[in-house]
Amino acid sequence: MTPSACIVKWVTESNRPANIVNDAELQNIFTAGRPHTIIPSVSTITRNINASFTKCHEKIGKLLQVSTKLPLFTGAIN
Protein backbone atom coordinates (compact mmCIF):
# COMPACT_ATOMS: atom_id res chain seq x y z
CA MET A 1 0.00 0.00 0.00
CA THR A 2 1.37 3.41 -0.93
CA PRO A 3 1.96 6.03 1.77
CA SER A 4 -0.84 8.12 0.28
CA ALA A 5 -3.24 5.15 0.40
CA CYS A 6 -2.29 4.50 4.03
CA ILE A 7 -2.98 8.11 4.96
CA VAL A 8 -6.32 8.08 3.10
CA LYS A 9 -7.29 4.89 4.95
CA TRP A 10 -6.27 6.32 8.32
CA VAL A 11 -7.98 9.69 7.71
CA THR A 12 -11.26 8.11 6.61
CA GLU A 13 -11.40 5.26 9.15
CA SER A 14 -10.58 7.52 12.10
CA ASN A 15 -12.79 10.37 10.87
CA ARG A 16 -9.96 12.89 10.71
CA PRO A 17 -9.95 16.00 8.52
CA ALA A 18 -7.75 15.79 5.42
CA ASN A 19 -5.80 18.87 6.50
CA ILE A 20 -4.34 16.90 9.41
CA VAL A 21 -1.44 16.10 7.06
CA ASN A 22 -0.33 19.71 7.55
CA ASP A 23 0.21 19.14 11.29
CA ALA A 24 3.90 19.65 12.06
CA GLU A 25 4.05 16.94 14.75
CA LEU A 26 2.35 14.40 12.49
CA GLN A 27 4.84 15.24 9.75
CA ASN A 28 7.66 14.62 12.24
CA ILE A 29 6.18 11.20 13.02
CA PHE A 30 5.86 10.36 9.30
CA THR A 31 9.44 11.33 8.56
CA ALA A 32 11.08 9.89 11.69
CA GLY A 33 13.86 7.66 10.45
CA ARG A 34 12.90 8.42 6.85
CA PRO A 35 13.82 12.07 6.27
CA HIS A 36 13.24 11.83 2.51
CA THR A 37 9.62 10.71 2.87
CA ILE A 38 7.26 12.85 0.84
CA ILE A 39 3.98 13.55 2.60
CA PRO A 40 1.05 14.02 0.21
CA SER A 41 -0.69 17.39 0.18
CA VAL A 42 -4.19 18.03 1.46
CA SER A 43 -5.46 18.32 -2.12
CA THR A 44 -3.93 14.93 -3.00
CA ILE A 45 -5.50 13.28 0.05
CA THR A 46 -8.87 14.89 -0.69
CA ARG A 47 -8.71 13.85 -4.35
CA ASN A 48 -7.82 10.27 -3.37
CA ILE A 49 -10.67 10.10 -0.83
CA ASN A 50 -13.14 11.30 -3.47
CA ALA A 51 -11.77 8.83 -6.05
CA SER A 52 -12.03 6.00 -3.54
CA PHE A 53 -15.60 6.96 -2.69
CA THR A 54 -16.57 7.10 -6.37
CA LYS A 55 -15.04 3.69 -7.04
CA CYS A 56 -16.79 2.12 -4.04
CA HIS A 57 -20.08 3.80 -4.96
CA GLU A 58 -19.92 2.37 -8.48
CA LYS A 59 -19.00 -1.10 -7.21
CA ILE A 60 -21.85 -1.15 -4.68
CA GLY A 61 -24.26 0.09 -7.37
CA LYS A 62 -23.27 -2.80 -9.63
CA LEU A 63 -23.63 -5.30 -6.79
CA LEU A 64 -27.10 -4.00 -5.98
CA GLN A 65 -28.17 -4.17 -9.63
CA VAL A 66 -27.04 -7.79 -9.84
CA SER A 67 -28.77 -8.73 -6.60
CA THR A 68 -32.10 -7.25 -7.73
CA LYS A 69 -31.95 -9.33 -10.91
CA LEU A 70 -31.48 -12.60 -9.03
CA PRO A 71 -34.63 -14.69 -8.61
CA LEU A 72 -36.07 -14.76 -5.14
CA PHE A 73 -36.15 -18.08 -3.39
CA THR A 74 -39.79 -18.82 -2.62
CA GLY A 75 -39.91 -22.60 -2.56
CA ALA A 76 -39.61 -24.87 0.44
CA ILE A 77 -36.69 -27.22 0.82
CA ASN A 78 -37.75 -30.86 0.53
PDB file of N, CA and C in Angstrom:
ATOM      1  N   MET A   1       0.855  -1.175   0.000  1.00  0.00           N
ATOM      2  CA  MET A   1       0.000   0.000   0.000  1.00  0.00           C
ATOM      3  C   MET A   1       0.901   1.239   0.000  1.00  0.00           C
ATOM      4  N   THR A   2       0.574   2.181  -0.841  1.00  0.00           N
ATOM      5  CA  THR A   2       1.374   3.405  -0.932  1.00  0.00           C
ATOM      6  C   THR A   2       1.174   4.265   0.321  1.00  0.00           C
ATOM      7  N   PRO A   3       2.137   5.144   0.611  1.00  0.00           N
ATOM      8  CA  PRO A   3       1.961   6.033   1.770  1.00  0.00           C
ATOM      9  C   PRO A   3       0.683   6.865   1.669  1.00  0.00           C
ATOM     10  N   SER A   4       0.365   7.332   0.469  1.00  0.00           N
ATOM     11  CA  SER A   4      -0.844   8.124   0.283  1.00  0.00           C
ATOM     12  C   SER A   4      -2.086   7.293   0.595  1.00  0.00           C
ATOM     13  N   ALA A   5      -2.106   6.040   0.130  1.00  0.00           N
ATOM     14  CA  ALA A   5      -3.242   5.155   0.402  1.00  0.00           C
ATOM     15  C   ALA A   5      -3.372   4.883   1.894  1.00  0.00           C
ATOM     16  N   CYS A   6      -2.257   4.719   2.574  1.00  0.00           N
ATOM     17  CA  CYS A   6      -2.291   4.495   4.027  1.00  0.00           C
ATOM     18  C   CYS A   6      -2.870   5.713   4.755  1.00  0.00           C
ATOM     19  N   ILE A   7      -2.470   6.889   4.326  1.00  0.00           N
ATOM     20  CA  ILE A   7      -2.975   8.112   4.957  1.00  0.00           C
ATOM     21  C   ILE A   7      -4.471   8.260   4.680  1.00  0.00           C
ATOM     22  N   VAL A   8      -4.892   8.000   3.445  1.00  0.00           N
ATOM     23  CA  VAL A   8      -6.320   8.077   3.102  1.00  0.00           C
ATOM     24  C   VAL A   8      -7.115   7.113   3.971  1.00  0.00           C
ATOM     25  N   LYS A   9      -6.617   5.895   4.121  1.00  0.00           N
ATOM     26  CA  LYS A   9      -7.291   4.891   4.946  1.00  0.00           C
ATOM     27  C   LYS A   9      -7.384   5.365   6.397  1.00  0.00           C
ATOM     28  N   TRP A  10      -6.287   5.868   6.929  1.00  0.00           N
ATOM     29  CA  TRP A  10      -6.268   6.321   8.316  1.00  0.00           C
ATOM     30  C   TRP A  10      -7.199   7.522   8.519  1.00  0.00           C
ATOM     31  N   VAL A  11      -7.147   8.484   7.604  1.00  0.00           N
ATOM     32  CA  VAL A  11      -7.983   9.687   7.710  1.00  0.00           C
ATOM     33  C   VAL A  11      -9.470   9.313   7.685  1.00  0.00           C
ATOM     34  N   THR A  12      -9.841   8.449   6.760  1.00  0.00           N
ATOM     35  CA  THR A  12     -11.260   8.109   6.614  1.00  0.00           C
ATOM     36  C   THR A  12     -11.750   7.190   7.740  1.00  0.00           C
ATOM     37  N   GLU A  13     -10.956   6.194   8.111  1.00  0.00           N
ATOM     38  CA  GLU A  13     -11.396   5.262   9.147  1.00  0.00           C
ATOM     39  C   GLU A  13     -11.455   5.901  10.532  1.00  0.00           C
ATOM     40  N   SER A  14     -10.591   6.876  10.787  1.00  0.00           N
ATOM     41  CA  SER A  14     -10.582   7.515  12.102  1.00  0.00           C
ATOM     42  C   SER A  14     -11.300   8.859  12.102  1.00  0.00           C
ATOM     43  N   ASN A  15     -11.973   9.155  10.979  1.00  0.00           N
ATOM     44  CA  ASN A  15     -12.791  10.368  10.865  1.00  0.00           C
ATOM     45  C   ASN A  15     -11.990  11.643  11.158  1.00  0.00           C
ATOM     46  N   ARG A  16     -10.810  11.713  10.555  1.00  0.00           N
ATOM     47  CA  ARG A  16      -9.956  12.891  10.707  1.00  0.00           C
ATOM     48  C   ARG A  16     -10.149  13.814   9.501  1.00  0.00           C
ATOM     49  N   PRO A  17      -9.889  15.095   9.671  1.00  0.00           N
ATOM     50  CA  PRO A  17      -9.947  16.001   8.515  1.00  0.00           C
ATOM     51  C   PRO A  17      -8.710  15.799   7.642  1.00  0.00           C
ATOM     52  N   ALA A  18      -8.866  15.989   6.351  1.00  0.00           N
ATOM     53  CA  ALA A  18      -7.748  15.786   5.422  1.00  0.00           C
ATOM     54  C   ALA A  18      -6.586  16.727   5.721  1.00  0.00           C
ATOM     55  N   ASN A  19      -6.882  17.911   6.248  1.00  0.00           N
ATOM     56  CA  ASN A  19      -5.801  18.873   6.503  1.00  0.00           C
ATOM     57  C   ASN A  19      -4.929  18.496   7.702  1.00  0.00           C
ATOM     58  N   ILE A  20      -5.191  17.361   8.312  1.00  0.00           N
ATOM     59  CA  ILE A  20      -4.336  16.901   9.409  1.00  0.00           C
ATOM     60  C   ILE A  20      -2.917  16.611   8.907  1.00  0.00           C
ATOM     61  N   VAL A  21      -2.778  16.358   7.601  1.00  0.00           N
ATOM     62  CA  VAL A  21      -1.440  16.096   7.061  1.00  0.00           C
ATOM     63  C   VAL A  21      -0.546  17.330   7.130  1.00  0.00           C
ATOM     64  N   ASN A  22      -1.126  18.494   7.394  1.00  0.00           N
ATOM     65  CA  ASN A  22      -0.327  19.711   7.548  1.00  0.00           C
ATOM     66  C   ASN A  22       0.196  19.887   8.977  1.00  0.00           C
ATOM     67  N   ASP A  23      -0.222  19.042   9.896  1.00  0.00           N
ATOM     68  CA  ASP A  23       0.207  19.141  11.287  1.00  0.00           C
ATOM     69  C   ASP A  23       1.709  18.849  11.394  1.00  0.00           C
ATOM     70  N   ALA A  24       2.439  19.768  11.990  1.00  0.00           N
ATOM     71  CA  ALA A  24       3.900  19.647  12.064  1.00  0.00           C
ATOM     72  C   ALA A  24       4.336  18.405  12.843  1.00  0.00           C
ATOM     73  N   GLU A  25       3.676  18.108  13.950  1.00  0.00           N
ATOM     74  CA  GLU A  25       4.054  16.941  14.746  1.00  0.00           C
ATOM     75  C   GLU A  25       3.774  15.643  13.999  1.00  0.00           C
ATOM     76  N   LEU A  26       2.661  15.583  13.289  1.00  0.00           N
ATOM     77  CA  LEU A  26       2.348  14.397  12.495  1.00  0.00           C
ATOM     78  C   LEU A  26       3.395  14.228  11.386  1.00  0.00           C
ATOM     79  N   GLN A  27       3.799  15.315  10.777  1.00  0.00           N
ATOM     80  CA  GLN A  27       4.836  15.238   9.746  1.00  0.00           C
ATOM     81  C   GLN A  27       6.143  14.728  10.330  1.00  0.00           C
ATOM     82  N   ASN A  28       6.455  15.137  11.568  1.00  0.00           N
ATOM     83  CA  ASN A  28       7.658  14.623  12.237  1.00  0.00           C
ATOM     84  C   ASN A  28       7.563  13.113  12.452  1.00  0.00           C
ATOM     85  N   ILE A  29       6.382  12.640  12.820  1.00  0.00           N
ATOM     86  CA  ILE A  29       6.184  11.204  13.017  1.00  0.00           C
ATOM     87  C   ILE A  29       6.360  10.463  11.689  1.00  0.00           C
ATOM     88  N   PHE A  30       5.758  10.991  10.621  1.00  0.00           N
ATOM     89  CA  PHE A  30       5.859  10.355   9.304  1.00  0.00           C
ATOM     90  C   PHE A  30       7.294  10.263   8.812  1.00  0.00           C
ATOM     91  N   THR A  31       8.078  11.280   9.102  1.00  0.00           N
ATOM     92  CA  THR A  31       9.437  11.327   8.558  1.00  0.00           C
ATOM     93  C   THR A  31      10.498  10.829   9.528  1.00  0.00           C
ATOM     94  N   ALA A  32      10.106  10.404  10.715  1.00  0.00           N
ATOM     95  CA  ALA A  32      11.077   9.892  11.685  1.00  0.00           C
ATOM     96  C   ALA A  32      11.780   8.670  11.108  1.00  0.00           C
ATOM     97  N   GLY A  33      13.082   8.762  11.007  1.00  0.00           N
ATOM     98  CA  GLY A  33      13.863   7.663  10.453  1.00  0.00           C
ATOM     99  C   GLY A  33      13.843   7.591   8.935  1.00  0.00           C
ATOM    100  N   ARG A  34      12.995   8.375   8.316  1.00  0.00           N
ATOM    101  CA  ARG A  34      12.897   8.421   6.850  1.00  0.00           C
ATOM    102  C   ARG A  34      12.794   9.886   6.414  1.00  0.00           C
ATOM    103  N   PRO A  35      13.875  10.613   6.535  1.00  0.00           N
ATOM    104  CA  PRO A  35      13.818  12.068   6.274  1.00  0.00           C
ATOM    105  C   PRO A  35      13.448  12.447   4.840  1.00  0.00           C
ATOM    106  N   HIS A  36      13.548  11.516   3.903  1.00  0.00           N
ATOM    107  CA  HIS A  36      13.241  11.832   2.513  1.00  0.00           C
ATOM    108  C   HIS A  36      11.808  11.467   2.133  1.00  0.00           C
ATOM    109  N   THR A  37      11.013  11.059   3.126  1.00  0.00           N
ATOM    110  CA  THR A  37       9.622  10.707   2.867  1.00  0.00           C
ATOM    111  C   THR A  37       8.851  11.938   2.400  1.00  0.00           C
ATOM    112  N   ILE A  38       8.087  11.759   1.353  1.00  0.00           N
ATOM    113  CA  ILE A  38       7.255  12.851   0.839  1.00  0.00           C
ATOM    114  C   ILE A  38       5.838  12.635   1.350  1.00  0.00           C
ATOM    115  N   ILE A  39       5.324  13.615   2.055  1.00  0.00           N
ATOM    116  CA  ILE A  39       3.976  13.549   2.601  1.00  0.00           C
ATOM    117  C   ILE A  39       3.026  14.190   1.588  1.00  0.00           C
ATOM    118  N   PRO A  40       1.982  13.462   1.191  1.00  0.00           N
ATOM    119  CA  PRO A  40       1.049  14.019   0.208  1.00  0.00           C
ATOM    120  C   PRO A  40       0.351  15.276   0.727  1.00  0.00           C
ATOM    121  N   SER A  41      -0.010  16.144  -0.194  1.00  0.00           N
ATOM    122  CA  SER A  41      -0.688  17.390   0.177  1.00  0.00           C
ATOM    123  C   SER A  41      -2.152  17.120   0.519  1.00  0.00           C
ATOM    124  N   VAL A  42      -2.772  18.116   1.118  1.00  0.00           N
ATOM    125  CA  VAL A  42      -4.192  18.026   1.461  1.00  0.00           C
ATOM    126  C   VAL A  42      -5.018  17.798   0.201  1.00  0.00           C
ATOM    127  N   SER A  43      -4.678  18.485  -0.877  1.00  0.00           N
ATOM    128  CA  SER A  43      -5.456  18.320  -2.118  1.00  0.00           C
ATOM    129  C   SER A  43      -5.306  16.906  -2.673  1.00  0.00           C
ATOM    130  N   THR A  44      -4.126  16.306  -2.545  1.00  0.00           N
ATOM    131  CA  THR A  44      -3.926  14.933  -3.000  1.00  0.00           C
ATOM    132  C   THR A  44      -4.751  13.966  -2.153  1.00  0.00           C
ATOM    133  N   ILE A  45      -4.730  14.144  -0.844  1.00  0.00           N
ATOM    134  CA  ILE A  45      -5.498  13.280   0.053  1.00  0.00           C
ATOM    135  C   ILE A  45      -6.993  13.415  -0.249  1.00  0.00           C
ATOM    136  N   THR A  46      -7.458  14.644  -0.398  1.00  0.00           N
ATOM    137  CA  THR A  46      -8.872  14.887  -0.694  1.00  0.00           C
ATOM    138  C   THR A  46      -9.272  14.262  -2.027  1.00  0.00           C
ATOM    139  N   ARG A  47      -8.436  14.435  -3.039  1.00  0.00           N
ATOM    140  CA  ARG A  47      -8.711  13.849  -4.353  1.00  0.00           C
ATOM    141  C   ARG A  47      -8.761  12.322  -4.267  1.00  0.00           C
ATOM    142  N   ASN A  48      -7.841  11.726  -3.511  1.00  0.00           N
ATOM    143  CA  ASN A  48      -7.819  10.272  -3.369  1.00  0.00           C
ATOM    144  C   ASN A  48      -9.022   9.747  -2.585  1.00  0.00           C
ATOM    145  N   ILE A  49      -9.468  10.492  -1.582  1.00  0.00           N
ATOM    146  CA  ILE A  49     -10.668  10.104  -0.833  1.00  0.00           C
ATOM    147  C   ILE A  49     -11.877  10.127  -1.758  1.00  0.00           C
ATOM    148  N   ASN A  50     -12.008  11.191  -2.538  1.00  0.00           N
ATOM    149  CA  ASN A  50     -13.136  11.301  -3.475  1.00  0.00           C
ATOM    150  C   ASN A  50     -13.093  10.195  -4.537  1.00  0.00           C
ATOM    151  N   ALA A  51     -11.905   9.891  -5.048  1.00  0.00           N
ATOM    152  CA  ALA A  51     -11.768   8.834  -6.052  1.00  0.00           C
ATOM    153  C   ALA A  51     -12.136   7.478  -5.450  1.00  0.00           C
ATOM    154  N   SER A  52     -11.713   7.253  -4.220  1.00  0.00           N
ATOM    155  CA  SER A  52     -12.031   5.998  -3.535  1.00  0.00           C
ATOM    156  C   SER A  52     -13.533   5.878  -3.306  1.00  0.00           C
ATOM    157  N   PHE A  53     -14.158   6.961  -2.896  1.00  0.00           N
ATOM    158  CA  PHE A  53     -15.602   6.957  -2.687  1.00  0.00           C
ATOM    159  C   PHE A  53     -16.334   6.648  -3.993  1.00  0.00           C
ATOM    160  N   THR A  54     -15.915   7.308  -5.070  1.00  0.00           N
ATOM    161  CA  THR A  54     -16.565   7.100  -6.369  1.00  0.00           C
ATOM    162  C   THR A  54     -16.444   5.645  -6.806  1.00  0.00           C
ATOM    163  N   LYS A  55     -15.258   5.075  -6.649  1.00  0.00           N
ATOM    164  CA  LYS A  55     -15.036   3.689  -7.042  1.00  0.00           C
ATOM    165  C   LYS A  55     -15.904   2.736  -6.209  1.00  0.00           C
ATOM    166  N   CYS A  56     -15.958   2.958  -4.907  1.00  0.00           N
ATOM    167  CA  CYS A  56     -16.791   2.119  -4.037  1.00  0.00           C
ATOM    168  C   CYS A  56     -18.270   2.287  -4.364  1.00  0.00           C
ATOM    169  N   HIS A  57     -18.688   3.510  -4.627  1.00  0.00           N
ATOM    170  CA  HIS A  57     -20.079   3.798  -4.958  1.00  0.00           C
ATOM    171  C   HIS A  57     -20.497   3.050  -6.222  1.00  0.00           C
ATOM    172  N   GLU A  58     -19.635   3.076  -7.229  1.00  0.00           N
ATOM    173  CA  GLU A  58     -19.924   2.368  -8.481  1.00  0.00           C
ATOM    174  C   GLU A  58     -19.981   0.859  -8.253  1.00  0.00           C
ATOM    175  N   LYS A  59     -19.044   0.341  -7.476  1.00  0.00           N
ATOM    176  CA  LYS A  59     -19.001  -1.103  -7.207  1.00  0.00           C
ATOM    177  C   LYS A  59     -20.255  -1.556  -6.455  1.00  0.00           C
ATOM    178  N   ILE A  60     -20.651  -0.806  -5.449  1.00  0.00           N
ATOM    179  CA  ILE A  60     -21.850  -1.147  -4.682  1.00  0.00           C
ATOM    180  C   ILE A  60     -23.090  -1.062  -5.574  1.00  0.00           C
ATOM    181  N   GLY A  61     -23.140  -0.045  -6.432  1.00  0.00           N
ATOM    182  CA  GLY A  61     -24.261   0.091  -7.367  1.00  0.00           C
ATOM    183  C   GLY A  61     -24.384  -1.123  -8.277  1.00  0.00           C
ATOM    184  N   LYS A  62     -23.249  -1.610  -8.781  1.00  0.00           N
ATOM    185  CA  LYS A  62     -23.269  -2.799  -9.632  1.00  0.00           C
ATOM    186  C   LYS A  62     -23.714  -4.029  -8.846  1.00  0.00           C
ATOM    187  N   LEU A  63     -23.239  -4.158  -7.614  1.00  0.00           N
ATOM    188  CA  LEU A  63     -23.633  -5.303  -6.793  1.00  0.00           C
ATOM    189  C   LEU A  63     -25.133  -5.279  -6.507  1.00  0.00           C
ATOM    190  N   LEU A  64     -25.665  -4.107  -6.249  1.00  0.00           N
ATOM    191  CA  LEU A  64     -27.101  -4.003  -5.979  1.00  0.00           C
ATOM    192  C   LEU A  64     -27.925  -4.292  -7.223  1.00  0.00           C
ATOM    193  N   GLN A  65     -27.451  -3.881  -8.387  1.00  0.00           N
ATOM    194  CA  GLN A  65     -28.168  -4.175  -9.627  1.00  0.00           C
ATOM    195  C   GLN A  65     -28.198  -5.675  -9.883  1.00  0.00           C
ATOM    196  N   VAL A  66     -27.104  -6.342  -9.643  1.00  0.00           N
ATOM    197  CA  VAL A  66     -27.041  -7.789  -9.842  1.00  0.00           C
ATOM    198  C   VAL A  66     -27.964  -8.491  -8.861  1.00  0.00           C
ATOM    199  N   SER A  67     -27.955  -8.048  -7.607  1.00  0.00           N
ATOM    200  CA  SER A  67     -28.767  -8.731  -6.598  1.00  0.00           C
ATOM    201  C   SER A  67     -30.263  -8.543  -6.842  1.00  0.00           C
ATOM    202  N   THR A  68     -30.668  -7.447  -7.456  1.00  0.00           N
ATOM    203  CA  THR A  68     -32.097  -7.254  -7.726  1.00  0.00           C
ATOM    204  C   THR A  68     -32.552  -8.058  -8.933  1.00  0.00           C
ATOM    205  N   LYS A  69     -31.610  -8.524  -9.743  1.00  0.00           N
ATOM    206  CA  LYS A  69     -31.951  -9.332 -10.908  1.00  0.00           C
ATOM    207  C   LYS A  69     -31.988 -10.831 -10.578  1.00  0.00           C
ATOM    208  N   LEU A  70     -31.475 -11.198  -9.415  1.00  0.00           N
ATOM    209  CA  LEU A  70     -31.485 -12.596  -9.027  1.00  0.00           C
ATOM    210  C   LEU A  70     -32.895 -13.016  -8.649  1.00  0.00           C
ATOM    211  N   PRO A  71     -33.292 -14.237  -9.001  1.00  0.00           N
ATOM    212  CA  PRO A  71     -34.633 -14.692  -8.612  1.00  0.00           C
ATOM    213  C   PRO A  71     -34.720 -14.880  -7.101  1.00  0.00           C
ATOM    214  N   LEU A  72     -35.853 -14.562  -6.572  1.00  0.00           N
ATOM    215  CA  LEU A  72     -36.073 -14.763  -5.140  1.00  0.00           C
ATOM    216  C   LEU A  72     -36.369 -16.211  -4.870  1.00  0.00           C
ATOM    217  N   PHE A  73     -35.883 -16.703  -3.778  1.00  0.00           N
ATOM    218  CA  PHE A  73     -36.151 -18.077  -3.390  1.00  0.00           C
ATOM    219  C   PHE A  73     -37.495 -18.105  -2.668  1.00  0.00           C
ATOM    220  N   THR A  74     -38.461 -18.778  -3.231  1.00  0.00           N
ATOM    221  CA  THR A  74     -39.786 -18.818  -2.623  1.00  0.00           C
ATOM    222  C   THR A  74     -40.225 -20.228  -2.300  1.00  0.00           C
ATOM    223  N   GLY A  75     -39.495 -21.216  -2.775  1.00  0.00           N
ATOM    224  CA  GLY A  75     -39.905 -22.603  -2.559  1.00  0.00           C
ATOM    225  C   GLY A  75     -39.386 -23.168  -1.250  1.00  0.00           C
ATOM    226  N   ALA A  76     -40.038 -24.187  -0.783  1.00  0.00           N
ATOM    227  CA  ALA A  76     -39.612 -24.873   0.443  1.00  0.00           C
ATOM    228  C   ALA A  76     -38.573 -25.926   0.086  1.00  0.00           C
ATOM    229  N   ILE A  77     -37.700 -26.179   1.004  1.00  0.00           N
ATOM    230  CA  ILE A  77     -36.691 -27.224   0.815  1.00  0.00           C
ATOM    231  C   ILE A  77     -37.322 -28.557   1.172  1.00  0.00           C
ATOM    232  N   ASN A  78     -37.185 -29.537   0.286  1.00  0.00           N
ATOM    233  CA  ASN A  78     -37.753 -30.861   0.528  1.00  0.00           C
ATOM    234  C   ASN A  78     -36.801 -31.745   1.264  1.00  0.00           C
TER     235      ASN A  78
END
